[in-house]
Structure formats: structure tokens, C-alpha cells
């Protein structure tokens, strides 16, 4: 019996089949210094989703569909955040360009927070103030150790200022390349039938030199699918670092990733290779290759308890990617 396979951080799992290696990266330790913010649509079309307020709320069972989803996302995203606190705000409030900032919310206390909706539902859906808010926030957080940023933005309608957002994104990309901002991602989740998916594609489609994609998106049919899709989206787009290289044990470059590392790395190693090295931003991690498992019967790790999913995590549904 060979001893238990050694999995080196930042990997959570490594499989080797005849020289084809699949290595899964642990999110949490590698995306060190990740700062996450959550922006929830507060426009007038959302009013029913937050349910009745005031005197009406006392008359019947309140069905606030947003609150349980917000709590769940807060808890889930806080596990990835460097300090477990998320800047959280309603956006598209007031004239549509306002933000109502709820503050830095503690993911560990997500069940205690109420999300009744904004004080003033917005008359339009203007996205640029969200981007500006997050950039100002991340500049501050860099001083507190943020090395990476992620803003999750939820909308139920068409965005009124898509062109401005595209132009601003191009600026942000330049700042990242120049080293004035850390690597950032914007995750845009559309909910319901009024979302303009074509417009979302357009915003998210842009690729920027040296950065790749800044944006990604999904559409959920119902409010109840929101948290689950955010989880899938965040996991599939949270690339690690700003790219990386994989070398064989004799120093040969096997694979290079430019715009960021995906969560699952797949590559071929030369015959007889016993280990590979991942280099990210000057750091090197060498992972011994497990024995070639063509039959995977003994690959049942019982000691996997240290990265448990958050409680009541909905099953991740496979749904179409862009």
C-alpha cells in the first residue's frame, strides 16, 4: 500500500490517468486577499419580490423572496472573502443612479440580517455607479491587504447605461494592466423575464489585453435560483492569480495560462514525470503526481471534511455557460 496521497496547497485534488492530469485548485487559500461585494437590484420592478412592507406586511404571510437568497449568498461569498465581511448595497435606487449601502455585513451572521428592500425603489437601472462604488472600495481595501476583487451584481431588468459600463470596463482593465488596481471580476446575474440577455452578453463579451474577461453572466428564471447560480458562476469564473505556468519535474514548460487560472487545470505530463510545478505571480507550488489510477477504486477520501460546502447549499445545477 502506498501511503496516502499528498495534496499540496493550493490544490484540493489531483488525478493522473496515463499522463493526463486533472488538478483542482482550492479556491479559498489561493485567492488570497479576495475582497467580495454584493450589489442587489433595488429598482421598482423588484418591489413584489421583496414583498409587502409596513402595515401590509402585518396582514398576511410575507413572502420576501429576496431575503433568503441574500442571506445564503452573503454566507457563501463571505467564505471566499479575505475577512468574511462583504460590502453590500442595493443599487438602482432613487432616480436609478443611487446606491443604498447596507455596510460591511458579516457572512457568519447572515441569518440575522433583514433585507426588506431599499427605502426608495429606483425609477431606472443605471449600473455605472455600482462599478464606480466598487472601484473606490477596492482601492481602499488594497491598503488592507486586498489582492483581488469580485463584485456580484444582481439585476431583474435591462441596464440603461450599457455603453458607459463598457467604456468604464476598458478603463478598469488598463488600470489592472498598469498595476494600479488588483485583478477584478464582475459577476452579473440576471433574474426573471425582463432581463436583456443579449445586452448582458455584450457587456460580458469584451476581452481586454492582459486581463481577458472582466465580466461573466448567467440568467436565472426565478428568484429562488439566484443564490445557487451565483455560486456556480463565482466558482467557474474565480480564476486564481493573473495567470500561471505549469512545469514538469525537469523544468520543461508544459502549459501556460495567460488571463488567469481556471479552477480546474488539465494538462499532459511527459512520460516518467513524477511531479509538476505551478507558478503563480512568482510563487511556485510543486505537487507530486499521484500514481496513475486507471481504476479509481481506492480514491475514496474520507478525510475531506475540511472544505465542507456551506450549510443547506442547493445542489449546483449545470446550466449553460457563456
Protein backbone atom coordinates (compact mmCIF):
# COMPACT_ATOMS: atom_id res chain seq x y z
CA UNK A 1 0.00 0.00 0.00
CA UNK A 2 1.38 3.33 -0.97
CA UNK A 3 0.91 5.99 1.71
CA UNK A 4 -1.92 8.48 1.44
CA UNK A 5 -1.52 10.80 -1.49
CA UNK A 6 -0.05 14.12 -0.58
CA UNK A 7 -2.00 17.05 -1.88
CA UNK A 8 -0.09 20.29 -1.64
CA UNK A 9 -1.88 23.59 -1.22
CA UNK A 10 -3.20 25.26 -3.38
CA UNK A 11 -4.61 22.02 -4.83
CA UNK A 12 -7.62 20.21 -3.45
CA UNK A 13 -7.49 17.22 -5.75
CA UNK A 14 -5.14 15.76 -8.35
CA UNK A 15 -5.89 12.87 -10.70
CA UNK A 16 -3.46 11.26 -13.09
CA UNK A 17 -4.57 8.95 -15.88
CA UNK A 18 -1.82 7.85 -18.21
CA UNK A 19 -0.10 11.23 -18.05
CA UNK A 20 -3.32 13.25 -18.40
CA UNK A 21 -3.51 15.27 -15.22
CA UNK A 22 -6.58 16.99 -13.80
CA UNK A 23 -5.72 19.23 -10.87
CA UNK A 24 -8.43 21.11 -8.98
CA UNK A 25 -7.46 24.29 -7.19
CA UNK A 26 -8.82 25.06 -3.75
CA UNK A 27 -10.49 28.42 -4.03
CA UNK A 28 -10.14 29.82 -0.61
CA UNK A 29 -6.44 29.74 0.22
CA UNK A 30 -5.19 30.58 -3.23
CA UNK A 31 -7.38 33.52 -3.93
CA UNK A 32 -5.68 35.13 -1.06
CA UNK A 33 -6.79 38.59 -0.24
CA UNK A 34 -10.05 38.34 -2.18
CA UNK A 35 -12.48 41.17 -1.47
CA UNK A 36 -16.11 40.46 -2.39
CA UNK A 37 -19.04 42.87 -2.65
CA UNK A 38 -22.72 42.14 -3.29
CA UNK A 39 -25.00 44.57 -5.11
CA UNK A 40 -28.72 43.82 -5.17
CA UNK A 41 -31.15 45.40 -7.61
CA UNK A 42 -33.36 47.95 -5.87
CA UNK A 43 -35.34 49.17 -8.87
CA UNK A 44 -39.13 49.49 -8.78
CA UNK A 45 -39.68 46.28 -10.75
CA UNK A 46 -38.24 44.37 -7.79
CA UNK A 47 -40.85 45.62 -5.32
CA UNK A 48 -43.01 42.48 -5.43
CA UNK A 49 -40.02 40.22 -4.85
CA UNK A 50 -39.21 41.94 -1.57
CA UNK A 51 -42.82 41.53 -0.51
CA UNK A 52 -45.15 43.95 1.24
CA UNK A 53 -43.88 46.30 3.95
CA UNK A 54 -45.30 48.31 6.78
CA UNK A 55 -48.95 47.76 7.60
CA UNK A 56 -49.46 45.37 4.67
CA UNK A 57 -46.69 43.11 5.92
CA UNK A 58 -48.62 42.53 9.14
CA UNK A 59 -51.77 41.45 7.33
CA UNK A 60 -50.55 38.27 5.75
CA UNK A 61 -47.64 35.91 5.44
CA UNK A 62 -44.87 37.99 3.93
CA UNK A 63 -43.18 36.40 1.01
CA UNK A 64 -39.90 38.18 0.69
CA UNK A 65 -38.24 36.05 -1.97
CA UNK A 66 -35.04 38.05 -1.93
CA UNK A 67 -34.11 37.80 1.74
CA UNK A 68 -33.35 34.06 1.97
CA UNK A 69 -31.32 34.29 -1.23
CA UNK A 70 -29.38 37.31 0.04
CA UNK A 71 -28.60 35.54 3.31
CA UNK A 72 -27.39 32.48 1.51
CA UNK A 73 -25.20 34.43 -0.94
CA UNK A 74 -23.77 36.50 1.87
CA UNK A 75 -22.77 33.40 3.77
CA UNK A 76 -21.39 31.65 0.70
CA UNK A 77 -19.42 34.61 -0.66
CA UNK A 78 -18.08 35.54 2.77
CA UNK A 79 -16.28 32.18 2.87
CA UNK A 80 -14.21 33.35 -0.08
CA UNK A 81 -13.66 36.88 1.20
CA UNK A 82 -10.41 37.76 2.97
CA UNK A 83 -12.10 38.86 6.21
CA UNK A 84 -15.58 37.33 5.88
CA UNK A 85 -17.26 40.75 5.58
CA UNK A 86 -18.97 41.85 2.38
CA UNK A 87 -19.72 45.36 1.22
CA UNK A 88 -23.44 45.03 0.48
CA UNK A 89 -25.71 47.57 -1.18
CA UNK A 90 -28.97 48.00 -3.02
CA UNK A 91 -28.36 49.66 -6.37
CA UNK A 92 -30.63 51.32 -8.97
CA UNK A 93 -32.47 53.13 -6.18
CA UNK A 94 -33.89 56.67 -6.13
CA UNK A 95 -33.63 58.09 -9.65
CA UNK A 96 -31.99 54.80 -10.66
CA UNK A 97 -28.42 56.00 -10.19
CA UNK A 98 -28.35 55.89 -6.39
CA UNK A 99 -26.95 53.25 -4.09
CA UNK A 100 -28.23 52.43 -0.62
CA UNK A 101 -25.21 50.93 1.08
CA UNK A 102 -26.07 48.44 3.83
CA UNK A 103 -22.48 48.34 5.06
CA UNK A 104 -19.90 45.62 5.55
CA UNK A 105 -22.01 42.63 6.51
CA UNK A 106 -20.64 39.67 8.43
CA UNK A 107 -21.19 36.43 6.49
CA UNK A 108 -21.17 34.44 9.73
CA UNK A 109 -24.26 36.33 10.90
CA UNK A 110 -26.09 36.16 7.58
CA UNK A 111 -29.25 34.71 9.17
CA UNK A 112 -29.64 37.76 11.40
CA UNK A 113 -29.81 40.31 8.61
CA UNK A 114 -33.08 41.53 7.18
CA UNK A 115 -33.33 42.51 3.52
CA UNK A 116 -36.68 44.28 3.20
CA UNK A 117 -35.59 46.14 0.04
CA UNK A 118 -34.35 49.71 -0.40
CA UNK A 119 -36.02 52.74 1.14
CA UNK A 120 -36.54 54.24 -2.30
CA UNK A 121 -37.15 51.89 -5.22
CA UNK A 122 -35.40 53.17 -8.34
CA UNK A 123 -37.02 54.58 -11.43
CA UNK A 124 -34.26 53.30 -13.71
CA UNK A 125 -31.45 50.73 -13.74
CA UNK A 126 -28.15 52.57 -14.02
CA UNK A 127 -25.14 50.34 -13.49
CA UNK A 128 -22.14 52.67 -13.72
CA UNK A 129 -22.47 53.92 -10.09
CA UNK A 130 -22.06 50.31 -8.93
CA UNK A 131 -18.80 49.95 -10.84
CA UNK A 132 -17.51 53.28 -9.53
CA UNK A 133 -18.51 52.34 -6.00
CA UNK A 134 -16.70 49.03 -6.18
CA UNK A 135 -13.54 50.53 -7.68
CA UNK A 136 -13.42 53.20 -4.94
CA UNK A 137 -13.99 50.45 -2.35
CA UNK A 138 -11.29 48.14 -3.71
CA UNK A 139 -8.76 50.99 -3.79
CA UNK A 140 -9.31 51.36 -0.05
CA UNK A 141 -9.21 47.61 0.55
CA UNK A 142 -5.84 47.27 -1.21
CA UNK A 143 -4.39 49.14 1.76
CA UNK A 144 -5.86 46.41 3.99
CA UNK A 145 -4.40 43.52 2.05
CA UNK A 146 -6.85 43.03 -0.82
CA UNK A 147 -5.08 41.40 -3.75
CA UNK A 148 -8.11 40.57 -5.82
CA UNK A 149 -11.67 41.85 -6.25
CA UNK A 150 -15.05 40.36 -7.04
CA UNK A 151 -18.32 42.25 -7.34
CA UNK A 152 -21.54 40.25 -7.65
CA UNK A 153 -24.30 42.33 -9.24
CA UNK A 154 -27.90 41.19 -9.49
CA UNK A 155 -30.48 42.75 -11.80
CA UNK A 156 -34.00 41.92 -12.92
CA UNK A 157 -34.18 44.33 -15.83
CA UNK A 158 -32.41 45.87 -18.77
CA UNK A 159 -29.44 48.07 -17.89
CA UNK A 160 -29.93 51.66 -19.05
CA UNK A 161 -26.28 52.62 -19.48
CA UNK A 162 -24.57 49.61 -21.07
CA UNK A 163 -22.29 51.75 -23.27
CA UNK A 164 -20.96 53.71 -20.28
CA UNK A 165 -20.28 50.45 -18.48
CA UNK A 166 -18.35 49.06 -21.41
CA UNK A 167 -16.21 52.19 -21.66
CA UNK A 168 -15.58 52.18 -17.92
CA UNK A 169 -14.63 48.48 -18.00
CA UNK A 170 -11.98 49.22 -20.62
CA UNK A 171 -10.53 51.88 -18.29
CA UNK A 172 -10.54 49.46 -15.35
CA UNK A 173 -8.72 46.87 -17.48
CA UNK A 174 -5.99 49.40 -18.30
CA UNK A 175 -5.57 50.21 -14.60
CA UNK A 176 -5.23 46.50 -13.81
CA UNK A 177 -2.58 46.03 -16.50
CA UNK A 178 -0.71 49.09 -15.22
CA UNK A 179 -0.74 47.60 -11.70
CA UNK A 180 -2.86 50.41 -10.25
CA UNK A 181 -5.72 48.05 -9.47
CA UNK A 182 -5.67 44.39 -8.46
CA UNK A 183 -7.25 41.78 -10.75
CA UNK A 184 -11.05 42.17 -10.62
CA UNK A 185 -14.12 40.31 -11.80
CA UNK A 186 -17.68 41.47 -12.19
CA UNK A 187 -20.33 38.76 -12.00
CA UNK A 188 -23.67 39.84 -13.45
CA UNK A 189 -26.70 37.74 -12.64
CA UNK A 190 -29.97 38.45 -14.41
CA UNK A 191 -33.19 37.22 -12.80
CA UNK A 192 -36.54 36.79 -14.50
CA UNK A 193 -38.12 37.53 -17.84
CA UNK A 194 -37.33 41.26 -18.14
CA UNK A 195 -33.59 40.73 -18.35
CA UNK A 196 -31.96 41.61 -21.67
CA UNK A 197 -29.66 38.65 -22.16
CA UNK A 198 -28.29 39.98 -25.42
CA UNK A 199 -27.23 43.15 -23.67
CA UNK A 200 -25.60 41.14 -20.87
CA UNK A 201 -23.69 39.11 -23.46
CA UNK A 202 -22.46 42.32 -25.00
CA UNK A 203 -21.21 43.75 -21.69
CA UNK A 204 -19.59 40.47 -20.70
CA UNK A 205 -18.17 39.57 -24.08
CA UNK A 206 -15.36 42.11 -24.13
CA UNK A 207 -11.84 40.76 -23.72
CA UNK A 208 -9.12 43.13 -22.63
CA UNK A 209 -5.41 42.80 -23.39
CA UNK A 210 -3.51 41.38 -20.44
CA UNK A 211 -6.70 40.77 -18.46
CA UNK A 212 -9.01 38.62 -20.56
CA UNK A 213 -12.65 38.82 -19.49
CA UNK A 214 -13.61 41.14 -16.64
CA UNK A 215 -17.28 40.16 -16.75
CA UNK A 216 -19.31 36.99 -16.78
CA UNK A 217 -23.04 36.43 -16.53
CA UNK A 218 -25.88 33.99 -16.15
CA UNK A 219 -29.64 34.28 -16.17
CA UNK A 220 -31.87 32.70 -13.52
CA UNK A 221 -35.53 32.16 -14.33
CA UNK A 222 -36.71 32.62 -10.77
CA UNK A 223 -35.60 34.42 -7.63
CA UNK A 224 -35.24 31.04 -5.89
CA UNK A 225 -32.42 30.10 -8.28
CA UNK A 226 -30.42 33.22 -7.63
CA UNK A 227 -28.04 32.11 -4.88
CA UNK A 228 -27.39 28.77 -6.49
CA UNK A 229 -26.45 30.32 -9.83
CA UNK A 230 -24.23 32.91 -8.16
CA UNK A 231 -22.34 30.05 -6.51
CA UNK A 232 -21.88 28.22 -9.82
CA UNK A 233 -20.86 31.41 -11.57
CA UNK A 234 -18.41 32.54 -8.92
CA UNK A 235 -16.79 29.12 -8.78
CA UNK A 236 -16.42 28.83 -12.52
CA UNK A 237 -15.04 32.34 -13.02
CA UNK A 238 -12.93 32.88 -9.95
CA UNK A 239 -9.71 32.24 -11.68
CA UNK A 240 -6.68 32.28 -9.46
CA UNK A 241 -3.99 34.90 -9.70
CA UNK A 242 -3.35 36.57 -13.00
CA UNK A 243 -2.34 33.55 -15.00
CA UNK A 244 0.31 30.96 -14.36
CA UNK A 245 2.66 28.36 -15.78
CA UNK A 246 2.98 24.65 -15.26
CA UNK A 247 6.37 22.96 -15.44
CA UNK A 248 7.30 19.29 -15.43
CA UNK A 249 9.75 17.96 -12.83
CA UNK A 250 12.67 18.57 -15.20
CA UNK A 251 11.72 22.23 -15.63
CA UNK A 252 10.04 21.95 -19.03
CA UNK A 253 7.12 24.36 -19.54
CA UNK A 254 4.03 22.17 -20.10
CA UNK A 255 1.25 24.70 -20.14
CA UNK A 256 0.76 28.44 -19.83
CA UNK A 257 -2.38 30.31 -18.75
CA UNK A 258 -2.49 33.97 -19.63
CA UNK A 259 -5.58 35.77 -18.34
CA UNK A 260 -5.96 33.78 -15.13
CA UNK A 261 -6.11 30.20 -13.99
CA UNK A 262 -9.34 28.24 -14.21
CA UNK A 263 -10.37 26.35 -11.09
CA UNK A 264 -9.63 23.04 -12.80
CA UNK A 265 -6.33 22.62 -14.62
CA UNK A 266 -5.97 19.94 -17.27
CA UNK A 267 -2.65 19.13 -18.92
CA UNK A 268 -0.41 16.31 -20.18
CA UNK A 269 2.84 15.43 -18.43
CA UNK A 270 5.75 13.73 -20.21
CA UNK A 271 6.32 10.05 -19.54
CA UNK A 272 8.11 9.27 -16.30
CA UNK A 273 7.24 12.67 -14.84
CA UNK A 274 6.86 12.40 -11.05
CA UNK A 275 5.70 15.90 -10.12
CA UNK A 276 4.67 19.21 -11.63
CA UNK A 277 5.15 22.79 -10.50
CA UNK A 278 2.59 25.56 -10.75
CA UNK A 279 4.00 29.06 -10.79
CA UNK A 280 1.64 31.94 -9.94
CA UNK A 281 2.88 35.50 -9.60
CA UNK A 282 6.39 34.42 -8.70
CA UNK A 283 5.27 31.76 -6.21
CA UNK A 284 5.98 28.12 -7.01
CA UNK A 285 3.98 25.13 -5.76
CA UNK A 286 5.27 21.65 -6.50
CA UNK A 287 2.76 18.83 -6.44
CA UNK A 288 3.90 15.18 -6.56
CA UNK A 289 1.89 13.25 -9.13
CA UNK A 290 -0.34 10.56 -7.67
CA UNK A 291 0.11 7.07 -9.08
CA UNK A 292 -1.60 6.54 -12.37
CA UNK A 293 -5.15 5.49 -11.43
CA UNK A 294 -6.73 3.84 -14.37
CA UNK A 295 -9.08 2.22 -11.91
CA UNK A 296 -10.28 4.68 -9.35
CA UNK A 297 -11.49 2.29 -6.69
CA UNK A 298 -9.36 3.43 -3.77
CA UNK A 299 -9.92 7.09 -4.43
CA UNK A 300 -12.43 7.49 -1.69
CA UNK A 301 -11.03 10.10 0.60
CA UNK A 302 -12.76 10.06 3.96
CA UNK A 303 -10.85 12.96 5.37
CA UNK A 304 -12.36 15.58 3.15
CA UNK A 305 -14.17 17.33 5.95
CA UNK A 306 -12.10 20.43 5.99
CA UNK A 307 -13.74 22.01 2.99
CA UNK A 308 -17.39 21.50 3.52
CA UNK A 309 -19.96 23.34 1.47
CA UNK A 310 -21.94 25.98 3.29
CA UNK A 311 -25.00 24.65 5.10
CA UNK A 312 -28.11 23.98 3.05
CA UNK A 313 -26.18 24.52 -0.15
CA UNK A 314 -28.52 23.91 -3.05
CA UNK A 315 -27.16 21.34 -5.49
CA UNK A 316 -25.15 23.06 -8.18
CA UNK A 317 -27.14 22.73 -11.35
CA UNK A 318 -25.33 22.51 -14.61
CA UNK A 319 -26.68 25.25 -16.78
CA UNK A 320 -25.45 26.83 -19.96
CA UNK A 321 -22.19 28.74 -19.79
CA UNK A 322 -21.06 31.53 -21.99
